[in-house]
Each structure stands twice: as structure tokens, then as C-alpha cells.
C-alpha atoms as a PDB file:
ATOM      1  CA  MET A   1      12.605  -6.123 -24.026  1.00  0.00           C
ATOM      2  CA  ALA A   2      15.384  -3.308 -25.322  1.00  0.00           C
ATOM      3  CA  LYS A   3      15.773  -2.617 -29.273  1.00  0.00           C
ATOM      4  CA  LEU A   4      19.244  -3.573 -30.704  1.00  0.00           C
ATOM      5  CA  SER A   5      22.046  -0.883 -30.598  1.00  0.00           C
ATOM      6  CA  THR A   6      25.777  -0.936 -31.569  1.00  0.00           C
ATOM      7  CA  THR A   7      26.657  -0.569 -27.582  1.00  0.00           C
ATOM      8  CA  MET A   8      25.332  -3.917 -26.947  1.00  0.00           C
ATOM      9  CA  CYS A   9      28.163  -5.963 -28.479  1.00  0.00           C
ATOM     10  CA  GLN A  10      31.199  -5.147 -30.679  1.00  0.00           C
ATOM     11  CA  VAL A  11      30.103  -7.541 -33.185  1.00  0.00           C
ATOM     12  CA  LEU A  12      26.745  -5.859 -33.637  1.00  0.00           C
ATOM     13  CA  THR A  13      27.703  -3.214 -36.392  1.00  0.00           C
ATOM     14  CA  LYS A  14      24.933  -0.239 -37.671  1.00  0.00           C
ATOM     15  CA  ALA A  15      24.952  -2.558 -41.017  1.00  0.00           C
ATOM     16  CA  ALA A  16      23.497  -5.690 -39.294  1.00  0.00           C
ATOM     17  CA  ILE A  17      21.302  -3.843 -37.256  1.00  0.00           C
ATOM     18  CA  GLU A  18      19.624  -2.616 -40.619  1.00  0.00           C
ATOM     19  CA  ASN A  19      19.708  -6.104 -42.363  1.00  0.00           C
ATOM     20  CA  LEU A  20      18.018  -7.160 -39.270  1.00  0.00           C
ATOM     21  CA  GLY A  21      15.479  -4.810 -39.297  1.00  0.00           C
ATOM     22  CA  GLN A  22      14.526  -5.512 -42.845  1.00  0.00           C
ATOM     23  CA  ARG A  23      13.390  -8.910 -41.491  1.00  0.00           C
ATOM     24  CA  LYS A  24      11.404  -7.285 -38.593  1.00  0.00           C
ATOM     25  CA  ILE A  25      14.207  -8.465 -35.945  1.00  0.00           C
ATOM     26  CA  TYR A  26      14.083  -5.474 -33.681  1.00  0.00           C
ATOM     27  CA  SER A  27      14.952  -6.293 -30.248  1.00  0.00           C
ATOM     28  CA  VAL A  28      17.039  -8.406 -28.027  1.00  0.00           C
ATOM     29  CA  VAL A  29      13.866 -10.980 -27.622  1.00  0.00           C
ATOM     30  CA  ASP A  30      13.887 -11.333 -31.548  1.00  0.00           C
ATOM     31  CA  VAL A  31      17.670 -12.141 -32.008  1.00  0.00           C
ATOM     32  CA  LEU A  32      17.379 -14.859 -29.058  1.00  0.00           C
ATOM     33  CA  GLN A  33      14.044 -16.631 -30.936  1.00  0.00           C
ATOM     34  CA  GLU A  34      15.819 -16.607 -34.160  1.00  0.00           C
ATOM     35  CA  ASP A  35      17.692 -19.460 -35.381  1.00  0.00           C
ATOM     36  CA  PRO A  36      21.600 -18.874 -35.463  1.00  0.00           C
ATOM     37  CA  LYS A  37      22.298 -19.925 -38.604  1.00  0.00           C
ATOM     38  CA  LYS A  38      19.209 -17.669 -40.174  1.00  0.00           C
ATOM     39  CA  LEU A  39      20.547 -14.673 -38.412  1.00  0.00           C
ATOM     40  CA  ALA A  40      24.459 -15.165 -39.613  1.00  0.00           C
ATOM     41  CA  SER A  41      22.416 -15.201 -43.271  1.00  0.00           C
ATOM     42  CA  ILE A  42      20.304 -12.023 -42.617  1.00  0.00           C
ATOM     43  CA  SER A  43      22.925 -10.072 -40.993  1.00  0.00           C
ATOM     44  CA  LYS A  44      25.816 -10.917 -43.338  1.00  0.00           C
ATOM     45  CA  LEU A  45      27.750 -11.384 -39.733  1.00  0.00           C
ATOM     46  CA  ASP A  46      30.201 -14.770 -39.456  1.00  0.00           C
ATOM     47  CA  PHE A  47      28.808 -17.520 -37.401  1.00  0.00           C
ATOM     48  CA  LYS A  48      31.275 -17.329 -34.945  1.00  0.00           C
ATOM     49  CA  ASP A  49      29.956 -13.569 -34.455  1.00  0.00           C
ATOM     50  CA  VAL A  50      26.325 -14.425 -34.024  1.00  0.00           C
ATOM     51  CA  ILE A  51      27.369 -16.817 -31.514  1.00  0.00           C
ATOM     52  CA  VAL A  52      29.664 -14.380 -29.266  1.00  0.00           C
ATOM     53  CA  LEU A  53      26.344 -11.985 -29.819  1.00  0.00           C
ATOM     54  CA  ARG A  54      23.728 -14.193 -28.636  1.00  0.00           C
ATOM     55  CA  GLN A  55      25.659 -14.849 -25.486  1.00  0.00           C
ATOM     56  CA  THR A  56      26.606 -11.508 -24.896  1.00  0.00           C
ATOM     57  CA  LEU A  57      22.535 -10.723 -25.106  1.00  0.00           C
ATOM     58  CA  ILE A  58      21.858 -13.643 -22.612  1.00  0.00           C
ATOM     59  CA  THR A  59      24.452 -12.526 -20.345  1.00  0.00           C
ATOM     60  CA  ASN A  60      23.399  -8.742 -20.135  1.00  0.00           C
ATOM     61  CA  PHE A  61      19.574  -9.517 -20.757  1.00  0.00           C
ATOM     62  CA  SER A  62      18.592 -12.481 -18.742  1.00  0.00           C
ATOM     63  CA  PRO A  63      17.592 -13.370 -15.339  1.00  0.00           C
ATOM     64  CA  PHE A  64      19.673 -15.670 -13.217  1.00  0.00           C
ATOM     65  CA  PRO A  65      18.129 -17.846 -10.442  1.00  0.00           C
ATOM     66  CA  ARG A  66      18.318 -16.822  -6.967  1.00  0.00           C
ATOM     67  CA  GLN A  67      18.389 -19.398  -3.998  1.00  0.00           C
ATOM     68  CA  GLY A  68      15.090 -19.296  -2.009  1.00  0.00           C
ATOM     69  CA  LEU A  69      17.331 -18.603   1.177  1.00  0.00           C
ATOM     70  CA  ASP A  70      19.203 -15.311   0.116  1.00  0.00           C
ATOM     71  CA  ALA A  71      16.029 -14.141  -0.906  1.00  0.00           C
ATOM     72  CA  TYR A  72      14.472 -14.738   2.438  1.00  0.00           C
ATOM     73  CA  ASN A  73      17.355 -13.384   4.129  1.00  0.00           C
ATOM     74  CA  GLU A  74      17.188 -10.323   2.324  1.00  0.00           C
ATOM     75  CA  LEU A  75      13.384  -9.984   2.952  1.00  0.00           C
ATOM     76  CA  LEU A  76      14.249 -10.418   6.993  1.00  0.00           C
ATOM     77  CA  SER A  77      16.900  -7.762   6.730  1.00  0.00           C
ATOM     78  CA  GLN A  78      14.549  -5.028   5.199  1.00  0.00           C
ATOM     79  CA  CYS A  79      11.431  -5.656   6.922  1.00  0.00           C
ATOM     80  CA  SER A  80      10.511  -4.716  10.449  1.00  0.00           C
ATOM     81  CA  TYR A  81       7.907  -3.887  12.685  1.00  0.00           C
ATOM     82  CA  LEU A  82       6.740  -0.339  13.457  1.00  0.00           C
ATOM     83  CA  SER A  83       5.073  -0.355  16.872  1.00  0.00           C
ATOM     84  CA  SER A  84       1.975   1.678  17.234  1.00  0.00           C
ATOM     85  CA  GLY A  85       2.450   3.026  20.766  1.00  0.00           C
ATOM     86  CA  ILE A  86      -0.718   1.276  21.784  1.00  0.00           C
ATOM     87  CA  GLU A  87       0.298  -2.129  23.932  1.00  0.00           C
ATOM     88  CA  SER A  88      -2.852  -3.684  22.868  1.00  0.00           C
ATOM     89  CA  LEU A  89      -2.638  -2.845  19.062  1.00  0.00           C
ATOM     90  CA  ASP A  90       0.581  -4.178  18.949  1.00  0.00           C
ATOM     91  CA  SER A  91       0.125  -7.176  20.485  1.00  0.00           C
ATOM     92  CA  LEU A  92      -3.031  -7.998  18.059  1.00  0.00           C
ATOM     93  CA  LEU A  93      -0.869  -7.151  15.021  1.00  0.00           C
ATOM     94  CA  GLY A  94       2.012  -9.056  16.239  1.00  0.00           C
ATOM     95  CA  GLY A  95       4.594  -6.260  17.229  1.00  0.00           C
ATOM     96  CA  GLY A  96       2.763  -3.700  15.272  1.00  0.00           C
ATOM     97  CA  PHE A  97       2.777  -2.709  11.580  1.00  0.00           C
ATOM     98  CA  LEU A  98       5.115  -4.697   9.272  1.00  0.00           C
ATOM     99  CA  THR A  99       6.865  -2.766   6.611  1.00  0.00           C
ATOM    100  CA  GLY A 100       6.184  -4.094   3.537  1.00  0.00           C
ATOM    101  CA  LYS A 101       2.473  -4.684   3.968  1.00  0.00           C
ATOM    102  CA  VAL A 102      -0.879  -2.560   3.393  1.00  0.00           C
ATOM    103  CA  TYR A 103      -3.426  -2.336   5.974  1.00  0.00           C
ATOM    104  CA  GLU A 104      -6.705  -1.322   6.176  1.00  0.00           C
ATOM    105  CA  ILE A 105      -8.638   0.633   8.807  1.00  0.00           C
ATOM    106  CA  CYS A 106     -12.378   0.641   8.384  1.00  0.00           C
ATOM    107  CA  GLY A 107     -15.324   1.804  10.562  1.00  0.00           C
ATOM    108  CA  VAL A 108     -18.385   3.735  10.665  1.00  0.00           C
ATOM    109  CA  SER A 109     -18.404   7.477  10.719  1.00  0.00           C
ATOM    110  CA  GLY A 110     -17.337   8.760  14.061  1.00  0.00           C
ATOM    111  CA  SER A 111     -15.664   5.223  15.167  1.00  0.00           C
ATOM    112  CA  GLY A 112     -12.244   6.439  15.898  1.00  0.00           C
ATOM    113  CA  LYS A 113     -10.561   5.812  12.732  1.00  0.00           C
ATOM    114  CA  THR A 114      -8.561   9.329  12.682  1.00  0.00           C
ATOM    115  CA  GLN A 115      -7.948   9.941  15.972  1.00  0.00           C
ATOM    116  CA  LEU A 116      -5.942   6.154  15.828  1.00  0.00           C
ATOM    117  CA  CYS A 117      -4.108   7.331  12.469  1.00  0.00           C
ATOM    118  CA  LEU A 118      -3.229  10.505  14.406  1.00  0.00           C
ATOM    119  CA  THR A 119      -1.843   8.757  17.573  1.00  0.00           C
ATOM    120  CA  VAL A 120       0.019   6.330  15.653  1.00  0.00           C
ATOM    121  CA  ALA A 121       1.397   8.867  13.555  1.00  0.00           C
ATOM    122  CA  ALA A 122       2.631  10.731  16.545  1.00  0.00           C
ATOM    123  CA  ASN A 123       4.109   7.607  18.135  1.00  0.00           C
ATOM    124  CA  VAL A 124       6.136   6.492  15.263  1.00  0.00           C
ATOM    125  CA  ALA A 125       7.367   9.939  14.378  1.00  0.00           C
ATOM    126  CA  LEU A 126       8.429  10.177  17.805  1.00  0.00           C
ATOM    127  CA  ARG A 127       9.910   6.824  18.650  1.00  0.00           C
ATOM    128  CA  MET A 128      11.728   6.059  15.368  1.00  0.00           C
ATOM    129  CA  LYS A 129      12.828   9.658  14.088  1.00  0.00           C
ATOM    130  CA  LYS A 130      11.462   8.570  10.756  1.00  0.00           C
ATOM    131  CA  SER A 131       9.509  10.693   8.522  1.00  0.00           C
ATOM    132  CA  VAL A 132       5.573   9.686   8.324  1.00  0.00           C
ATOM    133  CA  HIS A 133       3.425  10.771   5.457  1.00  0.00           C
ATOM    134  CA  PHE A 134      -0.124  11.342   6.129  1.00  0.00           C
ATOM    135  CA  ILE A 135      -2.200  11.915   3.132  1.00  0.00           C
ATOM    136  CA  ASP A 136      -5.331  13.904   3.973  1.00  0.00           C
ATOM    137  CA  THR A 137      -7.962  13.501   1.434  1.00  0.00           C
ATOM    138  CA  LYS A 138     -10.819  15.261   3.877  1.00  0.00           C
ATOM    139  CA  LEU A 139      -8.819  18.455   4.534  1.00  0.00           C
ATOM    140  CA  ASP A 140      -9.502  18.087   8.231  1.00  0.00           C
ATOM    141  CA  PHE A 141      -5.791  17.010   9.427  1.00  0.00           C
ATOM    142  CA  SER A 142      -5.335  18.514  12.996  1.00  0.00           C
ATOM    143  CA  GLY A 143      -2.193  19.818  13.841  1.00  0.00           C
ATOM    144  CA  LYS A 144      -3.476  20.746  16.882  1.00  0.00           C
ATOM    145  CA  ARG A 145      -4.238  17.279  17.798  1.00  0.00           C
ATOM    146  CA  ILE A 146      -1.188  16.079  17.392  1.00  0.00           C
ATOM    147  CA  HIS A 147       0.509  18.495  19.255  1.00  0.00           C
ATOM    148  CA  SER A 148      -1.879  17.580  22.235  1.00  0.00           C
ATOM    149  CA  ILE A 149      -0.825  13.864  21.687  1.00  0.00           C
ATOM    150  CA  LEU A 150       2.771  14.720  21.527  1.00  0.00           C
ATOM    151  CA  GLU A 151       2.493  17.147  24.958  1.00  0.00           C
ATOM    152  CA  ALA A 152       0.955  14.280  26.722  1.00  0.00           C
ATOM    153  CA  LYS A 153       4.263  12.018  25.939  1.00  0.00           C
ATOM    154  CA  GLU A 154       6.997  14.512  25.743  1.00  0.00           C
ATOM    155  CA  SER A 155       7.171  17.735  28.280  1.00  0.00           C
ATOM    156  CA  ASN A 156      10.329  19.039  26.023  1.00  0.00           C
ATOM    157  CA  GLU A 157       9.078  21.483  23.362  1.00  0.00           C
ATOM    158  CA  GLU A 158      11.539  21.139  21.453  1.00  0.00           C
ATOM    159  CA  VAL A 159      11.371  17.481  20.890  1.00  0.00           C
ATOM    160  CA  VAL A 160       7.608  18.063  20.059  1.00  0.00           C
ATOM    161  CA  GLY A 161       8.392  20.659  17.609  1.00  0.00           C
ATOM    162  CA  SER A 162      11.143  18.215  15.725  1.00  0.00           C
ATOM    163  CA  THR A 163       8.761  15.529  16.106  1.00  0.00           C
ATOM    164  CA  MET A 164       5.715  17.152  14.001  1.00  0.00           C
ATOM    165  CA  GLU A 165       8.206  18.176  11.400  1.00  0.00           C
ATOM    166  CA  LYS A 166       8.639  14.558  10.644  1.00  0.00           C
ATOM    167  CA  ILE A 167       5.097  14.339  10.468  1.00  0.00           C
ATOM    168  CA  LEU A 168       4.601  15.403   6.592  1.00  0.00           C
ATOM    169  CA  VAL A 169       1.010  16.338   5.499  1.00  0.00           C
ATOM    170  CA  THR A 170      -0.067  16.388   1.673  1.00  0.00           C
ATOM    171  CA  ARG A 171      -3.666  17.578   1.185  1.00  0.00           C
ATOM    172  CA  VAL A 172      -5.348  16.402  -2.065  1.00  0.00           C
ATOM    173  CA  HIS A 173      -8.666  17.206  -3.315  1.00  0.00           C
ATOM    174  CA  CYS A 174      -9.199  14.477  -6.054  1.00  0.00           C
ATOM    175  CA  TYR A 175      -7.682  11.013  -7.362  1.00  0.00           C
ATOM    176  CA  ASN A 176      -5.215  12.730  -9.979  1.00  0.00           C
ATOM    177  CA  GLU A 177      -3.845  14.838  -7.193  1.00  0.00           C
ATOM    178  CA  LEU A 178      -3.462  11.484  -4.967  1.00  0.00           C
ATOM    179  CA  TYR A 179      -2.130   9.365  -7.619  1.00  0.00           C
ATOM    180  CA  ASN A 180       0.637  11.937  -8.681  1.00  0.00           C
ATOM    181  CA  PHE A 181       1.484  12.481  -5.215  1.00  0.00           C
ATOM    182  CA  LEU A 182       2.149   8.596  -4.418  1.00  0.00           C
ATOM    183  CA  TYR A 183       3.808   8.807  -7.802  1.00  0.00           C
ATOM    184  CA  HIS A 184       6.044  11.268  -6.629  1.00  0.00           C
ATOM    185  CA  LEU A 185       6.631   9.517  -3.484  1.00  0.00           C
ATOM    186  CA  LYS A 186       7.934   6.210  -5.131  1.00  0.00           C
ATOM    187  CA  ASN A 187      10.539   8.314  -7.217  1.00  0.00           C
ATOM    188  CA  GLU A 188      11.551  10.221  -3.671  1.00  0.00           C
ATOM    189  CA  LEU A 189      12.147   6.621  -2.226  1.00  0.00           C
ATOM    190  CA  VAL A 190      14.424   5.283  -5.118  1.00  0.00           C
ATOM    191  CA  ARG A 191      16.486   8.668  -4.587  1.00  0.00           C
ATOM    192  CA  GLU A 192      16.433   8.503  -0.688  1.00  0.00           C
ATOM    193  CA  PRO A 193      15.703   5.007   0.184  1.00  0.00           C
ATOM    194  CA  GLY A 194      14.524   4.556   3.864  1.00  0.00           C
ATOM    195  CA  THR A 195      13.658   7.941   4.742  1.00  0.00           C
ATOM    196  CA  THR A 196       9.953   7.045   5.063  1.00  0.00           C
ATOM    197  CA  ARG A 197       8.606   3.905   6.770  1.00  0.00           C
ATOM    198  CA  LEU A 198       5.127   4.713   7.156  1.00  0.00           C
ATOM    199  CA  VAL A 199       2.447   6.425   4.962  1.00  0.00           C
ATOM    200  CA  PHE A 200      -1.345   7.084   5.942  1.00  0.00           C
ATOM    201  CA  ILE A 201      -3.866   7.720   3.598  1.00  0.00           C
ATOM    202  CA  GLU A 202      -7.160   9.285   5.132  1.00  0.00           C
ATOM    203  CA  SER A 203      -9.720   8.392   3.509  1.00  0.00           C
ATOM    204  CA  LEU A 204      -9.875   6.882   0.173  1.00  0.00           C
ATOM    205  CA  PRO A 205     -13.572   6.652  -0.529  1.00  0.00           C
ATOM    206  CA  ALA A 206     -12.933  10.576  -0.199  1.00  0.00           C
ATOM    207  CA  VAL A 207     -11.812  10.719  -3.909  1.00  0.00           C
ATOM    208  CA  PHE A 208     -13.547   7.414  -5.178  1.00  0.00           C
ATOM    209  CA  PHE A 209     -17.135   8.001  -4.522  1.00  0.00           C
ATOM    210  CA  GLN A 210     -17.425  10.857  -7.503  1.00  0.00           C
ATOM    211  CA  TYR A 211     -16.219   7.631  -9.549  1.00  0.00           C
ATOM    212  CA  MET A 212     -18.707   5.167  -8.193  1.00  0.00           C
ATOM    213  CA  GLY A 213     -21.689   4.037  -9.567  1.00  0.00           C
ATOM    214  CA  ALA A 214     -23.305   1.246 -12.137  1.00  0.00           C
ATOM    215  CA  ASN A 215     -22.878   3.150 -15.069  1.00  0.00           C
ATOM    216  CA  ASN A 216     -19.330   4.514 -14.564  1.00  0.00           C
ATOM    217  CA  LEU A 217     -16.609   2.015 -16.028  1.00  0.00           C
ATOM    218  CA  ASP A 218     -14.042   3.889 -15.008  1.00  0.00           C
ATOM    219  CA  SER A 219     -13.731   3.567 -11.347  1.00  0.00           C
ATOM    220  CA  LEU A 220     -12.670   0.157 -11.506  1.00  0.00           C
ATOM    221  CA  GLY A 221      -9.518   0.975 -13.699  1.00  0.00           C
ATOM    222  CA  LEU A 222      -8.717   3.645 -11.330  1.00  0.00           C
ATOM    223  CA  LEU A 223      -8.686   1.547  -8.357  1.00  0.00           C
ATOM    224  CA  ASN A 224      -6.634  -0.816 -10.010  1.00  0.00           C
ATOM    225  CA  SER A 225      -4.061   1.750 -11.038  1.00  0.00           C
ATOM    226  CA  LEU A 226      -3.921   3.032  -7.720  1.00  0.00           C
ATOM    227  CA  ALA A 227      -3.858  -0.348  -6.085  1.00  0.00           C
ATOM    228  CA  SER A 228      -0.929  -1.488  -7.812  1.00  0.00           C
ATOM    229  CA  LEU A 229       1.212   1.617  -7.153  1.00  0.00           C
ATOM    230  CA  ILE A 230       0.573   1.468  -3.342  1.00  0.00           C
ATOM    231  CA  LYS A 231       1.579  -2.228  -3.380  1.00  0.00           C
ATOM    232  CA  TYR A 232       4.509  -1.401  -5.221  1.00  0.00           C
ATOM    233  CA  ILE A 233       5.437   1.275  -3.094  1.00  0.00           C
ATOM    234  CA  ALA A 234       4.800  -1.050   0.240  1.00  0.00           C
ATOM    235  CA  HIS A 235       6.580  -4.133  -1.379  1.00  0.00           C
ATOM    236  CA  GLU A 236       9.459  -2.407  -3.292  1.00  0.00           C
ATOM    237  CA  HIS A 237      10.831   0.028  -0.638  1.00  0.00           C
ATOM    238  CA  PHE A 238       9.422  -1.770   2.734  1.00  0.00           C
ATOM    239  CA  VAL A 239       6.900   1.108   3.777  1.00  0.00           C
ATOM    240  CA  ALA A 240       3.936  -0.126   5.513  1.00  0.00           C
ATOM    241  CA  ILE A 241       0.634   1.761   4.334  1.00  0.00           C
ATOM    242  CA  VAL A 242      -2.184   2.317   6.337  1.00  0.00           C
ATOM    243  CA  VAL A 243      -5.406   3.216   4.103  1.00  0.00           C
ATOM    244  CA  ILE A 244      -8.599   4.365   5.938  1.00  0.00           C
ATOM    245  CA  ASN A 245     -11.670   3.246   4.326  1.00  0.00           C
ATOM    246  CA  LEU A 246     -15.409   3.755   5.355  1.00  0.00           C
ATOM    247  CA  ALA A 247     -17.801   1.134   6.371  1.00  0.00           C
ATOM    248  CA  SER A 248     -21.544   0.939   6.461  1.00  0.00           C
ATOM    249  CA  MET A 249     -23.883  -1.203   8.429  1.00  0.00           C
ATOM    250  CA  TRP A 250     -26.688  -3.182   6.915  1.00  0.00           C
ATOM    251  CA  VAL A 251     -29.713  -4.815   9.053  1.00  0.00           C
ATOM    252  CA  GLU A 252     -30.874  -7.702   7.246  1.00  0.00           C
ATOM    253  CA  GLU A 253     -34.406  -7.761   5.717  1.00  0.00           C
ATOM    254  CA  GLU A 254     -35.775 -10.591   7.451  1.00  0.00           C
ATOM    255  CA  SER A 255     -34.160  -9.627  11.194  1.00  0.00           C
ATOM    256  CA  ALA A 256     -35.390  -5.773  10.443  1.00  0.00           C
ATOM    257  CA  SER A 257     -39.124  -6.700   9.789  1.00  0.00           C
ATOM    258  CA  LEU A 258     -39.120  -9.137  13.217  1.00  0.00           C
ATOM    259  CA  VAL A 259     -38.163  -6.353  15.279  1.00  0.00           C
ATOM    260  CA  GLN A 260     -40.560  -3.728  13.595  1.00  0.00           C
ATOM    261  CA  ASN A 261     -43.145  -6.516  13.726  1.00  0.00           C
ATOM    262  CA  GLU A 262     -44.672  -6.314  17.798  1.00  0.00           C
ATOM    263  CA  ASP A 263     -46.762  -9.367  17.549  1.00  0.00           C
ATOM    264  CA  GLU A 264     -43.946 -11.727  16.754  1.00  0.00           C
ATOM    265  CA  THR A 265     -40.721 -12.408  19.042  1.00  0.00           C
ATOM    266  CA  ALA A 266     -38.123 -10.301  18.307  1.00  0.00           C
ATOM    267  CA  PRO A 267     -34.592 -11.469  18.286  1.00  0.00           C
ATOM    268  CA  SER A 268     -32.127 -10.179  20.886  1.00  0.00           C
ATOM    269  CA  ALA A 269     -30.340  -8.058  18.396  1.00  0.00           C
ATOM    270  CA  PRO A 270     -31.089  -7.400  14.628  1.00  0.00           C
ATOM    271  CA  ILE A 271     -28.625  -9.472  12.260  1.00  0.00           C
ATOM    272  CA  ILE A 272     -26.213  -6.638  10.954  1.00  0.00           C
ATOM    273  CA  ASP A 273     -23.753  -6.713   7.985  1.00  0.00           C
ATOM    274  CA  VAL A 274     -20.505  -4.753   8.024  1.00  0.00           C
ATOM    275  CA  LYS A 275     -19.611  -3.719   4.474  1.00  0.00           C
ATOM    276  CA  PRO A 276     -16.377  -1.407   3.841  1.00  0.00           C
ATOM    277  CA  ALA A 277     -16.587   0.652   0.924  1.00  0.00           C
ATOM    278  CA  LEU A 278     -14.986   0.719  -2.444  1.00  0.00           C
ATOM    279  CA  GLY A 279     -16.197  -2.718  -3.303  1.00  0.00           C
ATOM    280  CA  LYS A 280     -15.228  -6.207  -3.847  1.00  0.00           C
ATOM    281  CA  TYR A 281     -11.909  -5.603  -5.780  1.00  0.00           C
ATOM    282  CA  TRP A 282     -10.320  -3.572  -3.444  1.00  0.00           C
ATOM    283  CA  ALA A 283     -11.449  -6.248  -0.536  1.00  0.00           C
ATOM    284  CA  HIS A 284      -8.340  -8.185  -1.965  1.00  0.00           C
ATOM    285  CA  VAL A 285      -5.681  -5.015  -1.937  1.00  0.00           C
ATOM    286  CA  PRO A 286      -5.388  -4.876   1.616  1.00  0.00           C
ATOM    287  CA  ASN A 287      -2.796  -7.621   3.254  1.00  0.00           C
ATOM    288  CA  THR A 288      -4.699  -6.856   6.673  1.00  0.00           C
ATOM    289  CA  ARG A 289      -8.049  -5.472   7.020  1.00  0.00           C
ATOM    290  CA  LEU A 290      -9.219  -4.234  10.656  1.00  0.00           C
ATOM    291  CA  TYR A 291     -12.704  -2.819  11.911  1.00  0.00           C
ATOM    292  CA  ILE A 292     -12.795  -0.512  14.513  1.00  0.00           C
ATOM    293  CA  GLU A 293     -16.326  -0.243  16.412  1.00  0.00           C
ATOM    294  CA  GLN A 294     -17.550   1.834  19.619  1.00  0.00           C
ATOM    295  CA  CYS A 295     -17.993  -0.499  22.545  1.00  0.00           C
ATOM    296  CA  GLY A 296     -20.175   0.156  25.458  1.00  0.00           C
ATOM    297  CA  ASN A 297     -19.195   3.591  27.070  1.00  0.00           C
ATOM    298  CA  SER A 298     -18.132   6.600  24.836  1.00  0.00           C
ATOM    299  CA  THR A 299     -14.131   6.300  24.949  1.00  0.00           C
ATOM    300  CA  GLU A 300     -13.733   2.456  24.614  1.00  0.00           C
ATOM    301  CA  ARG A 301     -13.249   0.963  20.808  1.00  0.00           C
ATOM    302  CA  LYS A 302     -12.672  -2.605  19.539  1.00  0.00           C
ATOM    303  CA  ILE A 303     -10.314  -3.776  16.886  1.00  0.00           C
ATOM    304  CA  THR A 304     -11.237  -6.443  14.955  1.00  0.00           C
ATOM    305  CA  VAL A 305      -8.616  -8.694  12.463  1.00  0.00           C
ATOM    306  CA  ILE A 306     -11.742  -9.273   9.723  1.00  0.00           C
ATOM    307  CA  LYS A 307      -8.935 -10.365   6.936  1.00  0.00           C
ATOM    308  CA  SER A 308      -5.205 -10.816   7.051  1.00  0.00           C
ATOM    309  CA  THR A 309      -2.455 -12.590   5.443  1.00  0.00           C
ATOM    310  CA  HIS A 310      -0.318 -13.380   8.318  1.00  0.00           C
ATOM    311  CA  LEU A 311      -3.189 -12.669  11.301  1.00  0.00           C
ATOM    312  CA  ALA A 312      -5.752 -14.991  12.989  1.00  0.00           C
ATOM    313  CA  THR A 313      -9.208 -13.491  11.569  1.00  0.00           C
ATOM    314  CA  GLY A 314     -11.336 -12.640  14.434  1.00  0.00           C
ATOM    315  CA  SER A 315      -8.665 -11.806  17.144  1.00  0.00           C
ATOM    316  CA  PHE A 316      -9.655  -8.266  18.436  1.00  0.00           C
ATOM    317  CA  CYS A 317      -8.494  -6.103  21.153  1.00  0.00           C
ATOM    318  CA  LYS A 318      -9.641  -3.121  23.081  1.00  0.00           C
ATOM    319  CA  ILE A 319      -8.276   0.374  23.203  1.00  0.00           C
ATOM    320  CA  SER A 320      -9.307   4.220  24.824  1.00  0.00           C
ATOM    321  CA  VAL A 321      -9.935   7.295  22.594  1.00  0.00           C
ATOM    322  CA  LEU A 322      -9.047   9.944  25.360  1.00  0.00           C
ATOM    323  CA  SER A 323      -8.140  13.613  25.467  1.00  0.00           C
ATOM    324  CA  GLU A 324      -4.165  12.549  25.347  1.00  0.00           C
ATOM    325  CA  GLY A 325      -4.666  10.099  22.265  1.00  0.00           C
ATOM    326  CA  VAL A 326      -5.408   6.989  21.938  1.00  0.00           C
ATOM    327  CA  LYS A 327      -4.104   4.043  24.370  1.00  0.00           C
END
């Protein structure tokens, strides 16, 4: 809470502040917690002036209750769905990516996570005319791929060029660079609200694997700080943040032994457990976690909701990864 100063109230003089400081009363909270008669005795102010001081501090520094309906209406006025441009995915998400939420797309290597993000980034930049931030931690962002996706949708080269300018790519090499950029983005959104509605972080494990391990106690603290910043940007500035995470597939030991043992009847398929990276703490950060996996043919993918605060868990859709983008 703020320290006492003469600018807070006309009756609060410099001498009164010094007198209060001698009794370790330094802040607004200290004044409000103290008995008014005792304050008058310590500060050498009249009792009436102490009452005026307390009322002024309460008016200027205390929160006031709001009606729930007003807060809800304000939330509705700020939130919106960002269409991914992929019909089946929009249907799965209830209309698109909801601003103010944190999404995670996880999958094994080569499952199509990057292609999905590049397509969504191109579609949002083309349709909404808003800036899309793409944070590249693997240093493999492909401008040519974005260009080919846009060319398949828009024949006008000027429109393609202006759309590509709205996709702002930031390459980061480590955790500190990622955190510093997000902090800079937070301040930028304060100065220019509404300019950005979608942020991709592709991919988070790339900057965290060096900190992971049983003997490294820093990883959880760093992850906590980053998670708090990501959620703050999403909630306070109504930005949809999509984080890409790597997943690994584990075959249960009993199932694997049955498959390897020719003398016993093997199950039709081994029991496979999918484990996204970054551990149990991170699992509670995204509002929605989507798992993408390859289906029968080389182009088809299945996206499943494996955790969400507002979508049905287990629901899924199918997409195709093509040369002109994801459809």
C-alpha cells in the first residue's frame, strides 16, 4: 500500500507524517488499522482532522464493490471468438479461439502442430486485419510457407504482402528472451490496446528442457513466473494465447511384454499413454489443451480436446494438412 505523503490529504502535514513515522505508521494501511483517538495523540492533529484523513484515504484507496451483471457485460463486450479459418476446428472450439483464454496444442514430433499454427496465423491476419505475434523458439519459422498458404486464398499480391506484415515474428533463444519479450508485449498492449488479439509461442519446451531435471529447483519457479505473465496478458488484454507443447507416447510395461511374447495372446493394440511435456504444474495453466495426432493417411490429422474449462473433454475433429495449408 502507498506510503503517506502530504499530497494525500490537506490535513496531513509533514510534521504529522514524521510523528506517525516515529511510531512505525508509514502507510495508508497503517493509518486505517490504527484507532482514531490514538492517531490524534500521535500525530498531534485534531480529532476532526483525523476523521477527515481516514475518510479521504478510504475514498481514494479502497476498492468498491461492483454488480456481477456489470462485470459480466463488460467481459462480453471485450471477448470475441477468433475464427481459425478451418471449419471443423472452429466447430470443435465453439466458434474459434476465445480471447482471454490460454490454449495448448500438443502432439508428438511431426504431428502437424507447426503447420496448424502457421495456417491459423495466416487466416486470422488475413480476415481480421489484426496483428498476430508468432514467437519462434526453434528458429524454424517459414515465411515461404506463410506466403504459399496466403497465395492459395488470395490472388492479389498486395493483399498477401500486407497480410504477411501483420504476422510479427520474434525469434528467442532462451527463457530470458522469451520472458522479456512477453513483458514488453504486456506494456505495449497497455499503450495500444486492441492491436493484438492472437499470440503463438512455438514451442515452449525448446526453452525449458535445459532447466528440467530432478536436481534443478529453478525450473518450477521459472515456469510459474512465465505462466503468470501469460495468463495476465490473456486475461487483462483479452488476447488468445496458443502455446505449442511436445508430447511423448509411452507404452505400458505389461502391454509391451504381451506384444513381445509370442507364446501369449497379444492385445489388438498396446496400451499407449500420451504425456505432454513440462509436467503436472503446467497442465493446470492452459484453459484448453488440444492433442493432435496423425490418422490413417499421411495428410489426415485428428484433434482431440483432452482438457478444457468450457469445452467437452473427448470431443474431436479431423483436419487435413495440405500444400495450401490446413483444411
